[in-house]
Amino acid sequence: MKCAFVSGVVGALAVATACSGAAPQARAKPLCRQSQAASEFRQAIAADQPLLRRLKEGLRAPGLSLAVASDGEIVWTVSCGYADLKSRRLVTAQTRFRIGSVSKTLTATALAQYAEVGRVDLDAPVDRYVEFPSHRGAITLRRLAGHLAGLRHYQSQAEAVNRHHFASVAATLDLFRDDPLVAEPGTRFSYSSYGYDVIGAALERTSGRDFAALMRAVLAPAHMGQTTLATAPPATRATFYEAKDGGGVRVAPPIDLSDRLPAGGFLSTAEDLARFGVALADGRLVSRRTAAMMFTSQRTTTGEETGYGLGFEVHPSPFGLFVGHTGVVAGGTAALLIHVKTGTVLALTTNLGYATAVSPPPPKSGTPDPPKLLLPFIRGR
């Protein structure tokens, strides 16, 4: 499921509403704990404290972590609640969470980096790079990255909570390779995580590396030391929970994310995601020109803007352009938000997901959207 940005103070991201809400907690959460709080942003942090309390209470996740970066540095990191309810282990800045579809921003950056140096052509038929039908050349890497290729999304609970292990990204293509398209390529925005599997397989074949190795190389300049694929061995990660119908939480059911590594298969921290946003905005991962292309809405064949660029949701606002993504996966939700003009970044991670609940309760009234927490940190707005 795509968790879209919604209209609001900045016409941007509402994680709680877009991702179907969260469920109440069995135990009271401890107060939030700051691990970074830059003195020059004391006023912004003070303004955000009541908003953070409302966000924590409204989402009702067992644990969450939030990080803000400004002027190329992380200036505020705060962690709330429990990484594990049973042991009462607290969330810290090093706690890793499932980030769901925020993973698409990482994969799209790899794709853009490869395109920038000429290793792939975003507009060439995809079958130039991987054994996958291009439908007479209409399916391209650009359209796959912008959800314009007409591929389907998950169609069942069994697909949403996969239990089968795949040895490579390329092996996942058999799940949907021969399925009919949901739309003619280019004609309609149709969200598809499977489209990112095709991108991942193309990058594997082009690079001659497995997906984990190629992504480590791509992201190295961002120094994301706590970011790994979900198939990596456990280390300082949260226990993953799911919202229950009617309220409460339970430990998330087993899921094997090898079916969606490029689309939703990463573990990360809020700080690492903030570092990623900074490195993308400041030109370390791709050039600023390439980043601007990623942050520009694609268009259908009739010229209609989709609100989605190359791996990023795109949202103009009275305060300037915001881009980012939300993620929902069994056992976790996440959000990444970048104010493009200033490079100010907010990242949010939690250990509560909604993949198995039919009707989880909505967030509490008055739960602030993450952009409201970012606005005090944007200088010169």
Foldseek 3Di string as FASTA:
>chain_A
DFQFFACDQFRGRFQQVSQQAAFAAPDDKDDKDKPAAAPVLVVLVVVCPVLVVLQCQQRNFQKKKKWKDFPLGTHIIIIIHALDDVVRHGDDQLAKFFAAQLLLVLLLLLVLLCVQVPLDPQQFQLCVQAPADSPVSLDGNFLLLQQQQQFAADDDLCVQFPDDADPALNRLCVVGRPPDGNDHRQADRHDHLNSQSSSQSSSCRSVVHTSQVSSCVLCVVLVQPSKGFQPDDDDNYGQFWEAAVPGYIDGFDHGHCNSRRSRGGMMGGFVSLLSVLLCLLVANNHHNVSSVQQQDFDAGPVGHGDCGGRSWRWGQGPVGIKIWGWRAGRQKIKIWIARNVRSMIMIMIGRYHHSPYPNGPGGDPPNDGVVVSRVSVDPPD
